[in-house]
């Protein structure tokens, strides 16, 4: 029972994090996602408002799941080996946990299937606020054979010199390199490093966000997910067979 409650609690914990991400990314100040109208509610005073109530409720349900798990562990920890009447209370906790949380993954599935993604806004944010500074530092480290720490300080100087621009300029990077007695020709690579799509393709290590690695991760996770129902089907068949046997004995 506690193992089932633990699995449910961990599931709700992940769904709670996803819900918070959806709330943040769909907020008007972010504008990266738009949740379908079927999953939001209006305001009694502000006609333009869309409240992600489902996400807020899922977050609270996660706290409930943690509480049920804690109660189950508390009941079991003081029992002697063998039968104890206090374990009858665990059944209510487990049923409550399932009842409170069973709708959450189904609702989130519908939310994700109907999401509208603002790709233009995402790209715009990727190209501002010096978002690619780490990638430029990595490029300098590989090309100039420098430590990342040294490249970090070079980029910090270039960021300061680029202000009030929101991205590192070629002139600023050249000046930062010249001040540290490094060749300045590499600053001409900035045009490539300011393109978010090209930056992603440079990251080819396992688990990276490059398109190829992302597709590979999706394939691996999908294969793992598709393998899960088989043992569950076997278990369900065993339960059905046991129920039929009980009926045959008139139970």
C-alpha atoms as a PDB file:
ATOM      1  CA  UNK A   1       0.000   0.000   0.000  1.00  0.00           C
ATOM      2  CA  UNK A   2       2.768   2.416   0.914  1.00  0.00           C
ATOM      3  CA  UNK A   3       4.588   1.571  -2.320  1.00  0.00           C
ATOM      4  CA  UNK A   4       1.485   2.399  -4.337  1.00  0.00           C
ATOM      5  CA  UNK A   5       1.030   5.625  -2.378  1.00  0.00           C
ATOM      6  CA  UNK A   6       4.694   6.485  -2.955  1.00  0.00           C
ATOM      7  CA  UNK A   7       4.307   5.960  -6.707  1.00  0.00           C
ATOM      8  CA  UNK A   8       1.190   8.138  -6.669  1.00  0.00           C
ATOM      9  CA  UNK A   9       2.952  10.839  -4.667  1.00  0.00           C
ATOM     10  CA  UNK A  10       5.924  10.918  -7.027  1.00  0.00           C
ATOM     11  CA  UNK A  11       3.572  11.053 -10.010  1.00  0.00           C
ATOM     12  CA  UNK A  12       1.688  13.976  -8.494  1.00  0.00           C
ATOM     13  CA  UNK A  13       4.960  15.689  -7.659  1.00  0.00           C
ATOM     14  CA  UNK A  14       5.970  15.607 -11.336  1.00  0.00           C
ATOM     15  CA  UNK A  15       2.510  16.701 -12.459  1.00  0.00           C
ATOM     16  CA  UNK A  16       2.629  19.561  -9.955  1.00  0.00           C
ATOM     17  CA  UNK A  17       5.927  20.787 -11.412  1.00  0.00           C
ATOM     18  CA  UNK A  18       4.511  20.524 -14.929  1.00  0.00           C
ATOM     19  CA  UNK A  19       1.439  22.473 -13.818  1.00  0.00           C
ATOM     20  CA  UNK A  20       3.586  25.255 -12.384  1.00  0.00           C
ATOM     21  CA  UNK A  21       5.569  25.397 -15.629  1.00  0.00           C
ATOM     22  CA  UNK A  22       2.337  25.682 -17.610  1.00  0.00           C
ATOM     23  CA  UNK A  23       1.141  28.510 -15.372  1.00  0.00           C
ATOM     24  CA  UNK A  24       4.394  30.433 -15.784  1.00  0.00           C
ATOM     25  CA  UNK A  25       4.872  29.869 -19.519  1.00  0.00           C
ATOM     26  CA  UNK A  26       1.248  30.706 -20.354  1.00  0.00           C
ATOM     27  CA  UNK A  27       1.190  33.875 -18.245  1.00  0.00           C
ATOM     28  CA  UNK A  28       0.663  37.017 -20.376  1.00  0.00           C
ATOM     29  CA  UNK A  29       4.069  38.318 -19.287  1.00  0.00           C
ATOM     30  CA  UNK A  30       5.699  35.186 -20.730  1.00  0.00           C
ATOM     31  CA  UNK A  31       3.363  34.503 -23.628  1.00  0.00           C
ATOM     32  CA  UNK A  32       5.148  31.335 -24.700  1.00  0.00           C
ATOM     33  CA  UNK A  33       2.140  29.027 -24.447  1.00  0.00           C
ATOM     34  CA  UNK A  34      -1.603  29.407 -24.738  1.00  0.00           C
ATOM     35  CA  UNK A  35      -3.839  26.972 -22.876  1.00  0.00           C
ATOM     36  CA  UNK A  36      -7.026  26.015 -24.680  1.00  0.00           C
ATOM     37  CA  UNK A  37     -10.204  27.702 -23.469  1.00  0.00           C
ATOM     38  CA  UNK A  38     -11.640  24.303 -22.508  1.00  0.00           C
ATOM     39  CA  UNK A  39      -9.158  24.126 -19.628  1.00  0.00           C
ATOM     40  CA  UNK A  40      -9.317  27.648 -18.208  1.00  0.00           C
ATOM     41  CA  UNK A  41     -11.979  29.607 -16.357  1.00  0.00           C
ATOM     42  CA  UNK A  42     -12.925  33.256 -16.537  1.00  0.00           C
ATOM     43  CA  UNK A  43     -12.967  35.935 -13.892  1.00  0.00           C
ATOM     44  CA  UNK A  44     -16.040  37.389 -12.212  1.00  0.00           C
ATOM     45  CA  UNK A  45     -14.677  40.909 -12.738  1.00  0.00           C
ATOM     46  CA  UNK A  46     -12.035  40.764 -15.514  1.00  0.00           C
ATOM     47  CA  UNK A  47     -13.477  39.495 -18.818  1.00  0.00           C
ATOM     48  CA  UNK A  48     -10.066  39.044 -20.425  1.00  0.00           C
ATOM     49  CA  UNK A  49      -8.659  36.799 -17.720  1.00  0.00           C
ATOM     50  CA  UNK A  50      -8.041  33.075 -18.176  1.00  0.00           C
ATOM     51  CA  UNK A  51      -7.395  31.218 -14.937  1.00  0.00           C
ATOM     52  CA  UNK A  52      -5.501  27.892 -15.138  1.00  0.00           C
ATOM     53  CA  UNK A  53      -7.567  26.416 -12.309  1.00  0.00           C
ATOM     54  CA  UNK A  54      -6.680  22.842 -13.259  1.00  0.00           C
ATOM     55  CA  UNK A  55      -2.988  23.553 -12.636  1.00  0.00           C
ATOM     56  CA  UNK A  56      -3.617  25.145  -9.254  1.00  0.00           C
ATOM     57  CA  UNK A  57      -5.819  22.230  -8.170  1.00  0.00           C
ATOM     58  CA  UNK A  58      -3.251  19.655  -9.319  1.00  0.00           C
ATOM     59  CA  UNK A  59      -0.615  21.403  -7.213  1.00  0.00           C
ATOM     60  CA  UNK A  60      -2.847  21.139  -4.143  1.00  0.00           C
ATOM     61  CA  UNK A  61      -3.662  17.494  -4.921  1.00  0.00           C
ATOM     62  CA  UNK A  62       0.066  16.755  -4.902  1.00  0.00           C
ATOM     63  CA  UNK A  63       0.235  18.030  -1.326  1.00  0.00           C
ATOM     64  CA  UNK A  64      -2.714  15.786  -0.439  1.00  0.00           C
ATOM     65  CA  UNK A  65      -0.934  12.781  -1.955  1.00  0.00           C
ATOM     66  CA  UNK A  66       2.150  13.503   0.142  1.00  0.00           C
ATOM     67  CA  UNK A  67      -0.048  13.667   3.237  1.00  0.00           C
ATOM     68  CA  UNK A  68      -1.703  10.325   2.471  1.00  0.00           C
ATOM     69  CA  UNK A  69       1.706   8.717   1.997  1.00  0.00           C
ATOM     70  CA  UNK A  70       2.981  10.139   5.274  1.00  0.00           C
ATOM     71  CA  UNK A  71      -0.090   8.790   7.092  1.00  0.00           C
ATOM     72  CA  UNK A  72       0.346   5.332   5.567  1.00  0.00           C
ATOM     73  CA  UNK A  73       3.986   5.188   6.605  1.00  0.00           C
ATOM     74  CA  UNK A  74       3.040   6.343  10.091  1.00  0.00           C
ATOM     75  CA  UNK A  75       0.422   3.627  10.530  1.00  0.00           C
ATOM     76  CA  UNK A  76       2.751   0.867   9.374  1.00  0.00           C
ATOM     77  CA  UNK A  77       5.863   1.840  11.277  1.00  0.00           C
ATOM     78  CA  UNK A  78       4.589   0.862  14.737  1.00  0.00           C
ATOM     79  CA  UNK A  79       2.994  -2.477  13.915  1.00  0.00           C
ATOM     80  CA  UNK A  80       4.217  -5.867  15.052  1.00  0.00           C
ATOM     81  CA  UNK A  81       4.744  -8.569  12.470  1.00  0.00           C
ATOM     82  CA  UNK A  82       1.429 -10.156  11.659  1.00  0.00           C
ATOM     83  CA  UNK A  83      -2.152  -8.947  11.782  1.00  0.00           C
ATOM     84  CA  UNK A  84      -2.977  -5.553  13.266  1.00  0.00           C
ATOM     85  CA  UNK A  85      -6.400  -3.911  13.308  1.00  0.00           C
ATOM     86  CA  UNK A  86      -4.886  -0.451  12.857  1.00  0.00           C
ATOM     87  CA  UNK A  87      -4.084  -1.326   9.231  1.00  0.00           C
ATOM     88  CA  UNK A  88      -7.777  -1.125   8.369  1.00  0.00           C
ATOM     89  CA  UNK A  89      -7.381   2.662   8.311  1.00  0.00           C
ATOM     90  CA  UNK A  90      -4.872   2.394   5.473  1.00  0.00           C
ATOM     91  CA  UNK A  91      -7.603   1.326   3.043  1.00  0.00           C
ATOM     92  CA  UNK A  92      -9.409   4.639   3.353  1.00  0.00           C
ATOM     93  CA  UNK A  93      -6.173   6.570   2.845  1.00  0.00           C
ATOM     94  CA  UNK A  94      -5.311   4.624  -0.271  1.00  0.00           C
ATOM     95  CA  UNK A  95      -8.786   4.965  -1.769  1.00  0.00           C
ATOM     96  CA  UNK A  96      -8.799   8.677  -1.001  1.00  0.00           C
ATOM     97  CA  UNK A  97      -5.416   9.111  -2.681  1.00  0.00           C
ATOM     98  CA  UNK A  98      -6.596   7.382  -5.857  1.00  0.00           C
ATOM     99  CA  UNK A  99      -9.896   9.265  -5.902  1.00  0.00           C
ATOM    100  CA  UNK A 100      -8.258  12.666  -5.404  1.00  0.00           C
ATOM    101  CA  UNK A 101      -5.488  12.186  -7.965  1.00  0.00           C
ATOM    102  CA  UNK A 102      -6.732   9.850 -10.699  1.00  0.00           C
ATOM    103  CA  UNK A 103      -8.048  12.661 -12.931  1.00  0.00           C
ATOM    104  CA  UNK A 104      -4.829  14.720 -12.912  1.00  0.00           C
ATOM    105  CA  UNK A 105      -2.852  12.858 -15.625  1.00  0.00           C
ATOM    106  CA  UNK A 106      -5.936  12.623 -17.855  1.00  0.00           C
ATOM    107  CA  UNK A 107      -6.576  16.366 -17.592  1.00  0.00           C
ATOM    108  CA  UNK A 108      -2.942  17.235 -18.288  1.00  0.00           C
ATOM    109  CA  UNK A 109      -2.936  14.974 -21.327  1.00  0.00           C
ATOM    110  CA  UNK A 110      -5.800  17.011 -22.782  1.00  0.00           C
ATOM    111  CA  UNK A 111      -4.048  20.260 -21.894  1.00  0.00           C
ATOM    112  CA  UNK A 112      -0.846  19.280 -23.683  1.00  0.00           C
ATOM    113  CA  UNK A 113      -2.665  17.938 -26.732  1.00  0.00           C
ATOM    114  CA  UNK A 114      -4.456  21.281 -27.182  1.00  0.00           C
ATOM    115  CA  UNK A 115      -1.597  23.677 -26.329  1.00  0.00           C
ATOM    116  CA  UNK A 116      -0.754  26.517 -28.706  1.00  0.00           C
ATOM    117  CA  UNK A 117       3.000  27.183 -28.880  1.00  0.00           C
ATOM    118  CA  UNK A 118       4.245  30.697 -29.627  1.00  0.00           C
ATOM    119  CA  UNK A 119       7.431  29.780 -31.483  1.00  0.00           C
ATOM    120  CA  UNK A 120       8.081  33.359 -32.619  1.00  0.00           C
ATOM    121  CA  UNK A 121       8.093  34.586 -29.021  1.00  0.00           C
ATOM    122  CA  UNK A 122      10.387  31.735 -28.006  1.00  0.00           C
ATOM    123  CA  UNK A 123      12.888  32.588 -30.707  1.00  0.00           C
ATOM    124  CA  UNK A 124      12.716  36.272 -29.804  1.00  0.00           C
ATOM    125  CA  UNK A 125      13.599  35.496 -26.185  1.00  0.00           C
ATOM    126  CA  UNK A 126      16.447  33.212 -27.280  1.00  0.00           C
ATOM    127  CA  UNK A 127      18.050  36.127 -29.089  1.00  0.00           C
ATOM    128  CA  UNK A 128      17.929  38.651 -26.229  1.00  0.00           C
ATOM    129  CA  UNK A 129      19.457  39.173 -22.781  1.00  0.00           C
ATOM    130  CA  UNK A 130      22.764  37.556 -23.809  1.00  0.00           C
ATOM    131  CA  UNK A 131      21.078  34.146 -23.779  1.00  0.00           C
ATOM    132  CA  UNK A 132      23.866  32.604 -25.880  1.00  0.00           C
ATOM    133  CA  UNK A 133      26.780  33.747 -23.703  1.00  0.00           C
ATOM    134  CA  UNK A 134      27.565  30.226 -22.471  1.00  0.00           C
ATOM    135  CA  UNK A 135      27.573  28.893 -26.032  1.00  0.00           C
ATOM    136  CA  UNK A 136      29.993  31.616 -27.115  1.00  0.00           C
ATOM    137  CA  UNK A 137      32.226  30.786 -24.144  1.00  0.00           C
ATOM    138  CA  UNK A 138      32.162  27.101 -25.134  1.00  0.00           C
ATOM    139  CA  UNK A 139      33.108  28.034 -28.688  1.00  0.00           C
ATOM    140  CA  UNK A 140      36.022  30.159 -27.491  1.00  0.00           C
ATOM    141  CA  UNK A 141      37.235  27.375 -25.208  1.00  0.00           C
ATOM    142  CA  UNK A 142      37.218  24.832 -28.047  1.00  0.00           C
ATOM    143  CA  UNK A 143      38.698  27.126 -30.687  1.00  0.00           C
ATOM    144  CA  UNK A 144      41.325  28.955 -28.620  1.00  0.00           C
ATOM    145  CA  UNK A 145      42.122  25.973 -26.371  1.00  0.00           C
ATOM    146  CA  UNK A 146      41.385  28.006 -23.246  1.00  0.00           C
ATOM    147  CA  UNK A 147      39.816  27.000 -19.953  1.00  0.00           C
ATOM    148  CA  UNK A 148      36.121  27.701 -19.588  1.00  0.00           C
ATOM    149  CA  UNK A 149      36.884  29.905 -16.581  1.00  0.00           C
ATOM    150  CA  UNK A 150      39.039  32.195 -18.705  1.00  0.00           C
ATOM    151  CA  UNK A 151      36.394  32.286 -21.443  1.00  0.00           C
ATOM    152  CA  UNK A 152      33.781  33.068 -18.817  1.00  0.00           C
ATOM    153  CA  UNK A 153      35.677  36.208 -17.814  1.00  0.00           C
ATOM    154  CA  UNK A 154      36.170  37.148 -21.473  1.00  0.00           C
ATOM    155  CA  UNK A 155      32.426  36.913 -22.066  1.00  0.00           C
ATOM    156  CA  UNK A 156      31.633  38.844 -18.895  1.00  0.00           C
ATOM    157  CA  UNK A 157      33.801  41.661 -20.222  1.00  0.00           C
ATOM    158  CA  UNK A 158      32.174  41.428 -23.673  1.00  0.00           C
ATOM    159  CA  UNK A 159      28.704  41.609 -22.120  1.00  0.00           C
ATOM    160  CA  UNK A 160      29.665  44.774 -20.274  1.00  0.00           C
ATOM    161  CA  UNK A 161      31.149  46.320 -23.412  1.00  0.00           C
ATOM    162  CA  UNK A 162      28.037  45.406 -25.446  1.00  0.00           C
ATOM    163  CA  UNK A 163      25.649  47.273 -23.150  1.00  0.00           C
ATOM    164  CA  UNK A 164      23.025  48.664 -23.792  1.00  0.00           C
ATOM    165  CA  UNK A 165      22.640  46.054 -26.558  1.00  0.00           C
ATOM    166  CA  UNK A 166      20.933  42.821 -25.485  1.00  0.00           C
ATOM    167  CA  UNK A 167      23.349  40.554 -27.339  1.00  0.00           C
ATOM    168  CA  UNK A 168      27.138  40.441 -27.573  1.00  0.00           C
ATOM    169  CA  UNK A 169      28.407  42.561 -30.442  1.00  0.00           C
ATOM    170  CA  UNK A 170      31.340  41.703 -32.671  1.00  0.00           C
ATOM    171  CA  UNK A 171      33.148  44.915 -31.693  1.00  0.00           C
ATOM    172  CA  UNK A 172      32.736  44.201 -27.984  1.00  0.00           C
ATOM    173  CA  UNK A 173      34.034  40.636 -28.276  1.00  0.00           C
ATOM    174  CA  UNK A 174      36.999  41.774 -30.362  1.00  0.00           C
ATOM    175  CA  UNK A 175      37.908  44.367 -27.751  1.00  0.00           C
ATOM    176  CA  UNK A 176      37.610  41.838 -24.912  1.00  0.00           C
ATOM    177  CA  UNK A 177      39.826  39.387 -26.801  1.00  0.00           C
ATOM    178  CA  UNK A 178      42.378  42.077 -27.636  1.00  0.00           C
ATOM    179  CA  UNK A 179      42.579  43.190 -24.005  1.00  0.00           C
ATOM    180  CA  UNK A 180      43.555  39.621 -23.067  1.00  0.00           C
ATOM    181  CA  UNK A 181      46.032  39.258 -25.962  1.00  0.00           C
ATOM    182  CA  UNK A 182      43.941  36.684 -27.835  1.00  0.00           C
ATOM    183  CA  UNK A 183      43.325  36.646 -31.606  1.00  0.00           C
ATOM    184  CA  UNK A 184      40.278  38.680 -32.512  1.00  0.00           C
ATOM    185  CA  UNK A 185      39.363  36.927 -35.779  1.00  0.00           C
ATOM    186  CA  UNK A 186      37.199  34.434 -33.913  1.00  0.00           C
ATOM    187  CA  UNK A 187      34.735  37.238 -33.155  1.00  0.00           C
ATOM    188  CA  UNK A 188      33.577  36.933 -36.766  1.00  0.00           C
ATOM    189  CA  UNK A 189      31.906  33.627 -35.795  1.00  0.00           C
ATOM    190  CA  UNK A 190      29.274  35.522 -33.810  1.00  0.00           C
ATOM    191  CA  UNK A 191      26.792  35.540 -36.683  1.00  0.00           C
ATOM    192  CA  UNK A 192      26.554  31.758 -36.458  1.00  0.00           C
ATOM    193  CA  UNK A 193      26.432  31.771 -32.658  1.00  0.00           C
ATOM    194  CA  UNK A 194      23.550  34.245 -32.581  1.00  0.00           C
ATOM    195  CA  UNK A 195      21.298  31.734 -34.386  1.00  0.00           C
ATOM    196  CA  UNK A 196      19.454  29.588 -31.782  1.00  0.00           C
ATOM    197  CA  UNK A 197      18.860  26.729 -34.233  1.00  0.00           C
ATOM    198  CA  UNK A 198      22.546  26.503 -35.144  1.00  0.00           C
ATOM    199  CA  UNK A 199      23.533  26.641 -31.476  1.00  0.00           C
ATOM    200  CA  UNK A 200      21.296  23.666 -30.702  1.00  0.00           C
ATOM    201  CA  UNK A 201      22.818  21.639 -33.534  1.00  0.00           C
ATOM    202  CA  UNK A 202      26.290  22.158 -32.045  1.00  0.00           C
ATOM    203  CA  UNK A 203      25.295  20.190 -28.955  1.00  0.00           C
ATOM    204  CA  UNK A 204      25.517  16.545 -29.997  1.00  0.00           C
ATOM    205  CA  UNK A 205      26.247  14.840 -26.669  1.00  0.00           C
ATOM    206  CA  UNK A 206      23.797  12.276 -25.348  1.00  0.00           C
ATOM    207  CA  UNK A 207      20.770  13.939 -23.766  1.00  0.00           C
ATOM    208  CA  UNK A 208      21.477  17.313 -25.383  1.00  0.00           C
ATOM    209  CA  UNK A 209      18.675  19.562 -26.722  1.00  0.00           C
ATOM    210  CA  UNK A 210      19.785  19.226 -30.353  1.00  0.00           C
ATOM    211  CA  UNK A 211      17.010  18.157 -32.753  1.00  0.00           C
ATOM    212  CA  UNK A 212      18.679  14.786 -33.380  1.00  0.00           C
ATOM    213  CA  UNK A 213      19.217  13.978 -29.712  1.00  0.00           C
ATOM    214  CA  UNK A 214      15.732  15.190 -28.788  1.00  0.00           C
ATOM    215  CA  UNK A 215      14.188  12.879 -31.402  1.00  0.00           C
ATOM    216  CA  UNK A 216      16.285  10.004 -30.071  1.00  0.00           C
ATOM    217  CA  UNK A 217      15.143  10.675 -26.509  1.00  0.00           C
ATOM    218  CA  UNK A 218      11.506  10.734 -27.647  1.00  0.00           C
ATOM    219  CA  UNK A 219      11.970   7.361 -29.372  1.00  0.00           C
ATOM    220  CA  UNK A 220      13.602   5.805 -26.305  1.00  0.00           C
ATOM    221  CA  UNK A 221      10.986   7.131 -23.885  1.00  0.00           C
ATOM    222  CA  UNK A 222       8.146   6.108 -26.205  1.00  0.00           C
ATOM    223  CA  UNK A 223       9.530   2.572 -26.454  1.00  0.00           C
ATOM    224  CA  UNK A 224       9.815   2.386 -22.667  1.00  0.00           C
ATOM    225  CA  UNK A 225       6.275   3.711 -22.262  1.00  0.00           C
ATOM    226  CA  UNK A 226       4.867   1.248 -24.800  1.00  0.00           C
ATOM    227  CA  UNK A 227       6.442  -1.652 -22.897  1.00  0.00           C
ATOM    228  CA  UNK A 228       4.585  -0.824 -19.671  1.00  0.00           C
ATOM    229  CA  UNK A 229       1.069  -2.100 -20.511  1.00  0.00           C
ATOM    230  CA  UNK A 230       2.144  -5.736 -21.098  1.00  0.00           C
ATOM    231  CA  UNK A 231       2.634  -6.730 -17.418  1.00  0.00           C
ATOM    232  CA  UNK A 232      -0.435  -4.712 -16.463  1.00  0.00           C
ATOM    233  CA  UNK A 233      -2.546  -6.678 -18.948  1.00  0.00           C
ATOM    234  CA  UNK A 234      -1.224  -9.928 -17.467  1.00  0.00           C
ATOM    235  CA  UNK A 235      -2.082  -8.715 -13.969  1.00  0.00           C
ATOM    236  CA  UNK A 236      -5.573  -7.679 -15.055  1.00  0.00           C
ATOM    237  CA  UNK A 237      -6.147 -11.096 -16.632  1.00  0.00           C
ATOM    238  CA  UNK A 238      -5.077 -12.768 -13.384  1.00  0.00           C
ATOM    239  CA  UNK A 239      -7.525 -10.611 -11.424  1.00  0.00           C
ATOM    240  CA  UNK A 240     -10.362 -11.467 -13.809  1.00  0.00           C
ATOM    241  CA  UNK A 241      -9.518 -15.172 -13.560  1.00  0.00           C
ATOM    242  CA  UNK A 242      -9.482 -14.956  -9.757  1.00  0.00           C
ATOM    243  CA  UNK A 243     -12.866 -13.224  -9.745  1.00  0.00           C
ATOM    244  CA  UNK A 244     -14.321 -15.946 -11.965  1.00  0.00           C
ATOM    245  CA  UNK A 245     -12.940 -18.637  -9.658  1.00  0.00           C
ATOM    246  CA  UNK A 246     -14.532 -16.926  -6.676  1.00  0.00           C
ATOM    247  CA  UNK A 247     -17.881 -16.844  -8.476  1.00  0.00           C
ATOM    248  CA  UNK A 248     -17.587 -20.553  -9.216  1.00  0.00           C
ATOM    249  CA  UNK A 249     -17.241 -21.216  -5.506  1.00  0.00           C
ATOM    250  CA  UNK A 250     -20.234 -19.039  -4.763  1.00  0.00           C
ATOM    251  CA  UNK A 251     -18.206 -16.380  -2.959  1.00  0.00           C
END
